[in-house]
Amino acid sequence: MSARKIIPAANWGQRAIACCILAVVTFLIYMVATSPHINWPTIPQYIFDDTILDGIRLTILFTILSMVISIVTGAILATMRLASNPIISGFSSVYIWFFRGTPLLVQIIFWFNIQLFIPSINIGLFHLDTNDVVTAFVAALLALSLNEAAYMAEIIRGGLLAVDNGQNEAAKALGYTPSQSMLRIIFPQALRVIIPPIGNQTISMLKTTSLVSVVAAQDLLTRAQNIYARNFLIIELLIVASIWYLVMTTVASCIQYVIEQRLGQSSTQPPAVWRAAIRLMRAEGGRG
């Protein structure tokens, strides 16, 4: 007796929704592509324009620097948040509450105008104008880094808490100091939980850097705005900027995927504290 082939029932509701989506998307693409108000031939001319490329470099620089600073600061804040001292833990909590609770755009404008209430830095005979230190670039970098550090602190803290407490106890039994336990045992295991959201935050930061255009920090969007302020090709330059943002986020997503795949492969290995314990037992058995 031949096996009967099971044919799933057709889901006409999903098919209808899919047809509606295709129709709407096709209509929107047609409207944009045939719009007489978009000068499509000028878009390729600006894709590799030197001004646009300089803005891309600065956008990438903003992203890298702000993420490095925020990860380091976030790791410190996460450790402080887990401290038993209420003042240290309280400071970290207030920092996270403040920077997550205020808009990033407000923070950028605040740092850009900090000279309004701190016009100069005076320490004895040392005098320095605030404007000479907190330029548009520095103001934007401070705002991006300090704001992101609050989110990094919670991401890292969540990763540390995800590691079983038995790992820490086993490390203590093997004679590890608290700092050694954190750096060699807890933190490497927490990376498997921390890396994916850090990758997502990095991709988000690539787009968030566009907010620094409000202080003319010369990122990609600022450069595009400078160009269309002269030639009035507003939509065309915004399309150019959007294309480059898509390219950068796509590359970042591929890098994140590769890193996550590597971490997934390493997750099959036993934790370091287990390997250390196994080596210790083998050494004891050899001496016995």
C-alpha atoms as a PDB file:
ATOM      1  CA  MET A   1       0.000   0.000   0.000  1.00  0.00           C
ATOM      2  CA  SER A   2       1.541   3.298  -1.140  1.00  0.00           C
ATOM      3  CA  ALA A   3       1.942   6.120   1.345  1.00  0.00           C
ATOM      4  CA  ARG A   4      -0.508   8.930   0.929  1.00  0.00           C
ATOM      5  CA  LYS A   5       0.855  12.410   0.272  1.00  0.00           C
ATOM      6  CA  ILE A   6      -0.317  14.980   2.818  1.00  0.00           C
ATOM      7  CA  ILE A   7      -1.314  18.228   1.168  1.00  0.00           C
ATOM      8  CA  PRO A   8      -1.650  21.172   3.588  1.00  0.00           C
ATOM      9  CA  ALA A   9      -4.818  23.216   3.384  1.00  0.00           C
ATOM     10  CA  ALA A  10      -4.465  26.460   1.485  1.00  0.00           C
ATOM     11  CA  ASN A  11      -4.404  29.536   3.704  1.00  0.00           C
ATOM     12  CA  TRP A  12      -6.390  31.967   1.573  1.00  0.00           C
ATOM     13  CA  GLY A  13      -6.243  34.681   4.208  1.00  0.00           C
ATOM     14  CA  GLN A  14      -2.432  34.847   4.101  1.00  0.00           C
ATOM     15  CA  ARG A  15      -2.475  34.749   0.309  1.00  0.00           C
ATOM     16  CA  ALA A  16      -4.859  37.679   0.177  1.00  0.00           C
ATOM     17  CA  ILE A  17      -2.727  39.688   2.613  1.00  0.00           C
ATOM     18  CA  ALA A  18       0.417  38.865   0.591  1.00  0.00           C
ATOM     19  CA  CYS A  19      -1.256  40.044  -2.613  1.00  0.00           C
ATOM     20  CA  CYS A  20      -2.312  43.301  -0.942  1.00  0.00           C
ATOM     21  CA  ILE A  21       1.220  43.904   0.347  1.00  0.00           C
ATOM     22  CA  LEU A  22       2.726  43.264  -3.107  1.00  0.00           C
ATOM     23  CA  ALA A  23       0.194  45.579  -4.727  1.00  0.00           C
ATOM     24  CA  VAL A  24       0.851  48.419  -2.272  1.00  0.00           C
ATOM     25  CA  VAL A  25       4.650  48.068  -2.455  1.00  0.00           C
ATOM     26  CA  THR A  26       4.582  47.905  -6.270  1.00  0.00           C
ATOM     27  CA  PHE A  27       2.381  50.999  -6.417  1.00  0.00           C
ATOM     28  CA  LEU A  28       4.678  52.956  -4.070  1.00  0.00           C
ATOM     29  CA  ILE A  29       7.799  51.946  -6.021  1.00  0.00           C
ATOM     30  CA  TYR A  30       6.109  52.973  -9.269  1.00  0.00           C
ATOM     31  CA  MET A  31       5.108  56.352  -7.829  1.00  0.00           C
ATOM     32  CA  VAL A  32       8.632  57.086  -6.602  1.00  0.00           C
ATOM     33  CA  ALA A  33      10.376  55.774  -9.741  1.00  0.00           C
ATOM     34  CA  THR A  34       8.184  57.772 -12.128  1.00  0.00           C
ATOM     35  CA  SER A  35       8.024  60.956 -10.068  1.00  0.00           C
ATOM     36  CA  PRO A  36       8.930  63.958 -12.254  1.00  0.00           C
ATOM     37  CA  HIS A  37      10.134  65.796  -9.144  1.00  0.00           C
ATOM     38  CA  ILE A  38      13.111  63.460  -8.538  1.00  0.00           C
ATOM     39  CA  ASN A  39      16.161  63.987 -10.708  1.00  0.00           C
ATOM     40  CA  TRP A  40      17.340  60.375 -10.806  1.00  0.00           C
ATOM     41  CA  PRO A  41      20.385  60.934 -13.091  1.00  0.00           C
ATOM     42  CA  THR A  42      21.995  63.207 -10.472  1.00  0.00           C
ATOM     43  CA  ILE A  43      21.956  60.542  -7.738  1.00  0.00           C
ATOM     44  CA  PRO A  44      24.859  58.450  -9.164  1.00  0.00           C
ATOM     45  CA  GLN A  45      26.882  61.650  -9.479  1.00  0.00           C
ATOM     46  CA  TYR A  46      26.827  62.180  -5.716  1.00  0.00           C
ATOM     47  CA  ILE A  47      27.226  58.568  -4.565  1.00  0.00           C
ATOM     48  CA  PHE A  48      31.036  58.829  -4.636  1.00  0.00           C
ATOM     49  CA  ASP A  49      31.284  62.580  -4.219  1.00  0.00           C
ATOM     50  CA  ASP A  50      34.303  63.549  -2.088  1.00  0.00           C
ATOM     51  CA  THR A  51      32.140  65.515   0.323  1.00  0.00           C
ATOM     52  CA  ILE A  52      29.819  62.545   0.847  1.00  0.00           C
ATOM     53  CA  LEU A  53      32.775  60.157   1.305  1.00  0.00           C
ATOM     54  CA  ASP A  54      34.286  62.474   3.929  1.00  0.00           C
ATOM     55  CA  GLY A  55      30.953  62.402   5.761  1.00  0.00           C
ATOM     56  CA  ILE A  56      30.922  58.591   5.640  1.00  0.00           C
ATOM     57  CA  ARG A  57      34.399  58.441   7.182  1.00  0.00           C
ATOM     58  CA  LEU A  58      33.336  60.730   9.999  1.00  0.00           C
ATOM     59  CA  THR A  59      30.133  58.735  10.566  1.00  0.00           C
ATOM     60  CA  ILE A  60      32.167  55.524  10.876  1.00  0.00           C
ATOM     61  CA  LEU A  61      34.622  57.299  13.182  1.00  0.00           C
ATOM     62  CA  PHE A  62      31.772  58.533  15.377  1.00  0.00           C
ATOM     63  CA  THR A  63      30.355  55.016  15.539  1.00  0.00           C
ATOM     64  CA  ILE A  64      33.648  53.298  16.414  1.00  0.00           C
ATOM     65  CA  LEU A  65      34.775  55.842  19.006  1.00  0.00           C
ATOM     66  CA  SER A  66      31.396  56.160  20.689  1.00  0.00           C
ATOM     67  CA  MET A  67      30.942  52.380  20.894  1.00  0.00           C
ATOM     68  CA  VAL A  68      34.442  51.796  22.295  1.00  0.00           C
ATOM     69  CA  ILE A  69      33.980  54.525  24.917  1.00  0.00           C
ATOM     70  CA  SER A  70      30.462  53.387  25.780  1.00  0.00           C
ATOM     71  CA  ILE A  71      31.450  49.706  26.126  1.00  0.00           C
ATOM     72  CA  VAL A  72      34.329  50.536  28.470  1.00  0.00           C
ATOM     73  CA  THR A  73      32.207  52.981  30.465  1.00  0.00           C
ATOM     74  CA  GLY A  74      29.251  50.598  30.451  1.00  0.00           C
ATOM     75  CA  ALA A  75      31.391  47.749  31.789  1.00  0.00           C
ATOM     76  CA  ILE A  76      32.536  49.987  34.665  1.00  0.00           C
ATOM     77  CA  LEU A  77      28.977  51.098  35.366  1.00  0.00           C
ATOM     78  CA  ALA A  78      27.693  47.512  35.269  1.00  0.00           C
ATOM     79  CA  THR A  79      30.348  46.439  37.773  1.00  0.00           C
ATOM     80  CA  MET A  80      29.477  49.416  39.975  1.00  0.00           C
ATOM     81  CA  ARG A  81      25.774  48.549  39.756  1.00  0.00           C
ATOM     82  CA  LEU A  82      26.514  45.053  41.088  1.00  0.00           C
ATOM     83  CA  ALA A  83      28.696  46.375  43.924  1.00  0.00           C
ATOM     84  CA  SER A  84      27.550  45.901  47.521  1.00  0.00           C
ATOM     85  CA  ASN A  85      28.404  49.505  48.442  1.00  0.00           C
ATOM     86  CA  PRO A  86      25.142  51.513  48.215  1.00  0.00           C
ATOM     87  CA  ILE A  87      26.894  54.747  47.158  1.00  0.00           C
ATOM     88  CA  ILE A  88      28.714  53.080  44.259  1.00  0.00           C
ATOM     89  CA  SER A  89      25.634  51.142  43.200  1.00  0.00           C
ATOM     90  CA  GLY A  90      23.443  54.218  43.638  1.00  0.00           C
ATOM     91  CA  PHE A  91      25.695  56.390  41.480  1.00  0.00           C
ATOM     92  CA  SER A  92      25.543  53.849  38.667  1.00  0.00           C
ATOM     93  CA  SER A  93      21.760  53.583  38.970  1.00  0.00           C
ATOM     94  CA  VAL A  94      21.301  57.365  38.859  1.00  0.00           C
ATOM     95  CA  TYR A  95      23.610  57.657  35.852  1.00  0.00           C
ATOM     96  CA  ILE A  96      21.676  55.014  33.936  1.00  0.00           C
ATOM     97  CA  TRP A  97      18.346  56.557  34.955  1.00  0.00           C
ATOM     98  CA  PHE A  98      19.379  60.048  33.859  1.00  0.00           C
ATOM     99  CA  PHE A  99      20.936  59.261  30.491  1.00  0.00           C
ATOM    100  CA  ARG A 100      18.246  56.774  29.487  1.00  0.00           C
ATOM    101  CA  GLY A 101      15.531  59.158  30.620  1.00  0.00           C
ATOM    102  CA  THR A 102      16.592  62.233  28.623  1.00  0.00           C
ATOM    103  CA  PRO A 103      16.499  62.446  24.801  1.00  0.00           C
ATOM    104  CA  LEU A 104      19.799  62.057  23.003  1.00  0.00           C
ATOM    105  CA  LEU A 105      19.069  65.120  20.880  1.00  0.00           C
ATOM    106  CA  VAL A 106      18.745  67.213  24.040  1.00  0.00           C
ATOM    107  CA  GLN A 107      22.073  65.849  25.298  1.00  0.00           C
ATOM    108  CA  ILE A 108      23.815  66.735  22.021  1.00  0.00           C
ATOM    109  CA  ILE A 109      22.519  70.307  22.145  1.00  0.00           C
ATOM    110  CA  PHE A 110      23.436  70.547  25.846  1.00  0.00           C
ATOM    111  CA  TRP A 111      27.080  69.551  25.297  1.00  0.00           C
ATOM    112  CA  PHE A 112      27.328  71.852  22.280  1.00  0.00           C
ATOM    113  CA  ASN A 113      26.168  74.786  24.424  1.00  0.00           C
ATOM    114  CA  ILE A 114      28.029  73.898  27.615  1.00  0.00           C
ATOM    115  CA  GLN A 115      30.119  77.071  27.268  1.00  0.00           C
ATOM    116  CA  LEU A 116      27.008  79.086  28.162  1.00  0.00           C
ATOM    117  CA  PHE A 117      27.434  78.194  31.843  1.00  0.00           C
ATOM    118  CA  ILE A 118      31.050  76.975  31.831  1.00  0.00           C
ATOM    119  CA  PRO A 119      32.748  79.576  29.597  1.00  0.00           C
ATOM    120  CA  SER A 120      36.250  78.604  30.666  1.00  0.00           C
ATOM    121  CA  ILE A 121      38.227  76.080  32.694  1.00  0.00           C
ATOM    122  CA  ASN A 122      40.405  77.727  35.344  1.00  0.00           C
ATOM    123  CA  ILE A 123      42.754  75.742  37.576  1.00  0.00           C
ATOM    124  CA  GLY A 124      45.224  78.097  39.245  1.00  0.00           C
ATOM    125  CA  LEU A 125      47.203  79.796  36.491  1.00  0.00           C
ATOM    126  CA  PHE A 126      45.847  77.332  33.921  1.00  0.00           C
ATOM    127  CA  HIS A 127      43.143  78.865  31.708  1.00  0.00           C
ATOM    128  CA  LEU A 128      41.337  77.265  28.800  1.00  0.00           C
ATOM    129  CA  ASP A 129      38.261  78.404  26.909  1.00  0.00           C
ATOM    130  CA  THR A 130      35.536  75.766  26.804  1.00  0.00           C
ATOM    131  CA  ASN A 131      34.904  76.454  23.115  1.00  0.00           C
ATOM    132  CA  ASP A 132      38.467  75.380  22.358  1.00  0.00           C
ATOM    133  CA  VAL A 133      37.864  72.007  24.011  1.00  0.00           C
ATOM    134  CA  VAL A 134      34.206  71.176  23.393  1.00  0.00           C
ATOM    135  CA  THR A 135      34.005  71.566  19.633  1.00  0.00           C
ATOM    136  CA  ALA A 136      31.067  70.277  17.598  1.00  0.00           C
ATOM    137  CA  PHE A 137      32.887  66.959  17.133  1.00  0.00           C
ATOM    138  CA  VAL A 138      33.692  66.595  20.850  1.00  0.00           C
ATOM    139  CA  ALA A 139      30.180  67.623  21.904  1.00  0.00           C
ATOM    140  CA  ALA A 140      28.624  65.055  19.571  1.00  0.00           C
ATOM    141  CA  LEU A 141      31.051  62.334  20.676  1.00  0.00           C
ATOM    142  CA  LEU A 142      30.417  63.027  24.367  1.00  0.00           C
ATOM    143  CA  ALA A 143      26.666  62.900  23.915  1.00  0.00           C
ATOM    144  CA  LEU A 144      26.714  59.700  21.852  1.00  0.00           C
ATOM    145  CA  SER A 145      29.184  57.933  24.152  1.00  0.00           C
ATOM    146  CA  LEU A 146      27.700  58.892  27.522  1.00  0.00           C
ATOM    147  CA  ASN A 147      24.154  58.149  26.373  1.00  0.00           C
ATOM    148  CA  GLU A 148      25.096  54.783  24.888  1.00  0.00           C
ATOM    149  CA  ALA A 149      27.092  53.870  28.019  1.00  0.00           C
ATOM    150  CA  ALA A 150      23.842  53.771  30.007  1.00  0.00           C
ATOM    151  CA  TYR A 151      22.421  51.141  27.645  1.00  0.00           C
ATOM    152  CA  MET A 152      25.713  49.240  27.526  1.00  0.00           C
ATOM    153  CA  ALA A 153      25.749  49.082  31.328  1.00  0.00           C
ATOM    154  CA  GLU A 154      22.385  47.319  31.395  1.00  0.00           C
ATOM    155  CA  ILE A 155      23.351  44.976  28.552  1.00  0.00           C
ATOM    156  CA  ILE A 156      26.604  43.980  30.258  1.00  0.00           C
ATOM    157  CA  ARG A 157      24.933  43.679  33.662  1.00  0.00           C
ATOM    158  CA  GLY A 158      22.314  41.369  32.163  1.00  0.00           C
ATOM    159  CA  GLY A 159      25.062  39.243  30.603  1.00  0.00           C
ATOM    160  CA  LEU A 160      26.942  38.968  33.908  1.00  0.00           C
ATOM    161  CA  LEU A 161      23.781  37.998  35.763  1.00  0.00           C
ATOM    162  CA  ALA A 162      23.050  35.342  33.132  1.00  0.00           C
ATOM    163  CA  VAL A 163      26.159  33.384  34.172  1.00  0.00           C
ATOM    164  CA  ASP A 164      25.335  30.771  36.790  1.00  0.00           C
ATOM    165  CA  ASN A 165      26.529  31.756  40.245  1.00  0.00           C
ATOM    166  CA  GLY A 166      28.056  28.306  40.626  1.00  0.00           C
ATOM    167  CA  GLN A 167      30.760  29.375  38.182  1.00  0.00           C
ATOM    168  CA  ASN A 168      31.889  32.084  40.577  1.00  0.00           C
ATOM    169  CA  GLU A 169      31.816  29.699  43.522  1.00  0.00           C
ATOM    170  CA  ALA A 170      33.834  27.119  41.597  1.00  0.00           C
ATOM    171  CA  ALA A 171      36.377  29.794  40.682  1.00  0.00           C
ATOM    172  CA  LYS A 172      36.741  30.736  44.341  1.00  0.00           C
ATOM    173  CA  ALA A 173      37.247  27.069  45.216  1.00  0.00           C
ATOM    174  CA  LEU A 174      40.089  26.938  42.704  1.00  0.00           C
ATOM    175  CA  GLY A 175      41.772  29.927  44.339  1.00  0.00           C
ATOM    176  CA  TYR A 176      40.807  32.623  41.851  1.00  0.00           C
ATOM    177  CA  THR A 177      40.627  36.199  43.148  1.00  0.00           C
ATOM    178  CA  PRO A 178      37.411  38.185  42.459  1.00  0.00           C
ATOM    179  CA  SER A 179      39.095  40.074  39.602  1.00  0.00           C
ATOM    180  CA  GLN A 180      40.471  36.858  38.123  1.00  0.00           C
ATOM    181  CA  SER A 181      37.066  35.212  38.401  1.00  0.00           C
ATOM    182  CA  MET A 182      35.466  38.136  36.576  1.00  0.00           C
ATOM    183  CA  LEU A 183      38.057  38.429  33.794  1.00  0.00           C
ATOM    184  CA  ARG A 184      38.798  34.728  33.210  1.00  0.00           C
ATOM    185  CA  ILE A 185      35.565  32.944  34.095  1.00  0.00           C
ATOM    186  CA  ILE A 186      32.458  35.145  34.305  1.00  0.00           C
ATOM    187  CA  PHE A 187      33.081  37.714  31.586  1.00  0.00           C
ATOM    188  CA  PRO A 188      34.079  35.243  28.798  1.00  0.00           C
ATOM    189  CA  GLN A 189      30.873  33.292  29.379  1.00  0.00           C
ATOM    190  CA  ALA A 190      28.805  36.475  29.563  1.00  0.00           C
ATOM    191  CA  LEU A 191      30.116  37.526  26.136  1.00  0.00           C
ATOM    192  CA  ARG A 192      27.795  35.004  24.483  1.00  0.00           C
ATOM    193  CA  VAL A 193      24.866  36.942  25.915  1.00  0.00           C
ATOM    194  CA  ILE A 194      26.407  40.414  25.555  1.00  0.00           C
ATOM    195  CA  ILE A 195      27.700  40.325  21.973  1.00  0.00           C
ATOM    196  CA  PRO A 196      24.357  40.079  20.072  1.00  0.00           C
ATOM    197  CA  PRO A 197      22.768  43.170  21.701  1.00  0.00           C
ATOM    198  CA  ILE A 198      26.073  45.072  21.385  1.00  0.00           C
ATOM    199  CA  GLY A 199      25.992  44.290  17.663  1.00  0.00           C
ATOM    200  CA  ASN A 200      22.454  45.600  17.468  1.00  0.00           C
ATOM    201  CA  GLN A 201      23.434  48.752  19.351  1.00  0.00           C
ATOM    202  CA  THR A 202      26.367  49.293  16.977  1.00  0.00           C
ATOM    203  CA  ILE A 203      24.080  49.068  13.962  1.00  0.00           C
ATOM    204  CA  SER A 204      21.684  51.457  15.673  1.00  0.00           C
ATOM    205  CA  MET A 205      24.577  53.829  16.445  1.00  0.00           C
ATOM    206  CA  LEU A 206      25.447  54.042  12.748  1.00  0.00           C
ATOM    207  CA  LYS A 207      22.031  55.583  12.152  1.00  0.00           C
ATOM    208  CA  THR A 208      21.879  57.527  15.418  1.00  0.00           C
ATOM    209  CA  THR A 209      24.987  59.494  14.414  1.00  0.00           C
ATOM    210  CA  SER A 210      22.745  61.377  11.979  1.00  0.00           C
ATOM    211  CA  LEU A 211      21.428  63.338  14.973  1.00  0.00           C
ATOM    212  CA  VAL A 212      24.764  65.144  15.268  1.00  0.00           C
ATOM    213  CA  SER A 213      23.826  67.072  12.134  1.00  0.00           C
ATOM    214  CA  VAL A 214      21.899  69.392  14.472  1.00  0.00           C
ATOM    215  CA  VAL A 215      25.262  70.802  15.627  1.00  0.00           C
ATOM    216  CA  ALA A 216      26.834  70.590  12.142  1.00  0.00           C
ATOM    217  CA  ALA A 217      29.324  67.889  13.150  1.00  0.00           C
ATOM    218  CA  GLN A 218      30.035  67.143   9.452  1.00  0.00           C
ATOM    219  CA  ASP A 219      28.809  63.555   9.429  1.00  0.00           C
ATOM    220  CA  LEU A 220      27.186  61.964   6.379  1.00  0.00           C
ATOM    221  CA  LEU A 221      23.813  63.651   6.825  1.00  0.00           C
ATOM    222  CA  THR A 222      25.420  67.041   7.528  1.00  0.00           C
ATOM    223  CA  ARG A 223      27.473  66.808   4.320  1.00  0.00           C
ATOM    224  CA  ALA A 224      24.350  65.885   2.350  1.00  0.00           C
ATOM    225  CA  GLN A 225      22.524  68.848   3.874  1.00  0.00           C
ATOM    226  CA  ASN A 226      25.395  71.159   2.961  1.00  0.00           C
ATOM    227  CA  ILE A 227      25.176  70.045  -0.660  1.00  0.00           C
ATOM    228  CA  TYR A 228      21.408  70.313  -1.059  1.00  0.00           C
ATOM    229  CA  ALA A 229      21.465  73.723   0.607  1.00  0.00           C
ATOM    230  CA  ARG A 230      23.376  74.895  -2.477  1.00  0.00           C
ATOM    231  CA  ASN A 231      21.707  72.964  -5.305  1.00  0.00           C
ATOM    232  CA  PHE A 232      18.234  72.357  -3.735  1.00  0.00           C
ATOM    233  CA  LEU A 233      18.315  68.643  -4.662  1.00  0.00           C
ATOM    234  CA  ILE A 234      16.908  67.722  -1.272  1.00  0.00           C
ATOM    235  CA  ILE A 235      15.275  64.362  -2.028  1.00  0.00           C
ATOM    236  CA  GLU A 236      18.139  63.259  -4.259  1.00  0.00           C
ATOM    237  CA  LEU A 237      20.794  63.890  -1.589  1.00  0.00           C
ATOM    238  CA  LEU A 238      18.659  62.240   1.076  1.00  0.00           C
ATOM    239  CA  ILE A 239      18.407  59.175  -1.164  1.00  0.00           C
ATOM    240  CA  VAL A 240      22.212  59.178  -1.507  1.00  0.00           C
ATOM    241  CA  ALA A 241      22.605  59.363   2.275  1.00  0.00           C
ATOM    242  CA  SER A 242      20.040  56.584   2.750  1.00  0.00           C
ATOM    243  CA  ILE A 243      21.882  54.337   0.287  1.00  0.00           C
ATOM    244  CA  TRP A 244      25.127  54.719   2.220  1.00  0.00           C
ATOM    245  CA  TYR A 245      23.418  54.148   5.578  1.00  0.00           C
ATOM    246  CA  LEU A 246      21.944  50.937   4.164  1.00  0.00           C
ATOM    247  CA  VAL A 247      25.378  49.843   2.915  1.00  0.00           C
ATOM    248  CA  MET A 248      27.037  50.516   6.275  1.00  0.00           C
ATOM    249  CA  THR A 249      24.327  48.786   8.312  1.00  0.00           C
ATOM    250  CA  THR A 250      24.394  45.800   5.953  1.00  0.00           C
ATOM    251  CA  VAL A 251      28.159  45.404   6.371  1.00  0.00           C
ATOM    252  CA  ALA A 252      27.811  45.756  10.150  1.00  0.00           C
ATOM    253  CA  SER A 253      25.048  43.126  10.156  1.00  0.00           C
ATOM    254  CA  CYS A 254      27.289  40.693   8.240  1.00  0.00           C
ATOM    255  CA  ILE A 255      30.123  41.237  10.715  1.00  0.00           C
ATOM    256  CA  GLN A 256      27.708  40.683  13.601  1.00  0.00           C
ATOM    257  CA  TYR A 257      26.478  37.441  11.995  1.00  0.00           C
ATOM    258  CA  VAL A 258      30.043  36.106  11.619  1.00  0.00           C
ATOM    259  CA  ILE A 259      30.889  36.955  15.239  1.00  0.00           C
ATOM    260  CA  GLU A 260      27.720  35.304  16.516  1.00  0.00           C
ATOM    261  CA  GLN A 261      28.480  32.191  14.460  1.00  0.00           C
ATOM    262  CA  ARG A 262      31.963  32.000  15.993  1.00  0.00           C
ATOM    263  CA  LEU A 263      30.518  32.404  19.483  1.00  0.00           C
ATOM    264  CA  GLY A 264      27.961  29.731  18.724  1.00  0.00           C
ATOM    265  CA  GLN A 265      30.724  27.314  17.807  1.00  0.00           C
ATOM    266  CA  SER A 266      32.699  28.128  20.950  1.00  0.00           C
ATOM    267  CA  SER A 267      29.620  27.599  23.109  1.00  0.00           C
ATOM    268  CA  THR A 268      30.000  23.850  22.595  1.00  0.00           C
ATOM    269  CA  GLN A 269      33.232  23.980  24.620  1.00  0.00           C
ATOM    270  CA  PRO A 270      32.966  23.582  28.407  1.00  0.00           C
ATOM    271  CA  PRO A 271      33.410  26.751  30.499  1.00  0.00           C
ATOM    272  CA  ALA A 272      36.952  27.678  31.505  1.00  0.00           C
ATOM    273  CA  VAL A 273      36.319  26.981  35.164  1.00  0.00           C
ATOM    274  CA  TRP A 274      35.254  23.433  34.318  1.00  0.00           C
ATOM    275  CA  ARG A 275      38.390  22.874  32.236  1.00  0.00           C
ATOM    276  CA  ALA A 276      40.521  24.240  35.069  1.00  0.00           C
ATOM    277  CA  ALA A 277      38.802  21.938  37.545  1.00  0.00           C
ATOM    278  CA  ILE A 278      39.356  18.950  35.244  1.00  0.00           C
ATOM    279  CA  ARG A 279      43.046  19.787  34.895  1.00  0.00           C
ATOM    280  CA  LEU A 280      43.337  20.161  38.670  1.00  0.00           C
ATOM    281  CA  MET A 281      41.701  16.770  39.295  1.00  0.00           C
ATOM    282  CA  ARG A 282      43.957  15.114  36.725  1.00  0.00           C
ATOM    283  CA  ALA A 283      47.009  16.678  38.353  1.00  0.00           C
ATOM    284  CA  GLU A 284      45.880  15.480  41.801  1.00  0.00           C
ATOM    285  CA  GLY A 285      45.217  12.028  40.409  1.00  0.00           C
ATOM    286  CA  GLY A 286      48.653  11.922  38.792  1.00  0.00           C
ATOM    287  CA  ARG A 287      50.357  12.821  42.080  1.00  0.00           C
ATOM    288  CA  GLY A 288      48.289  10.209  43.866  1.00  0.00           C
END
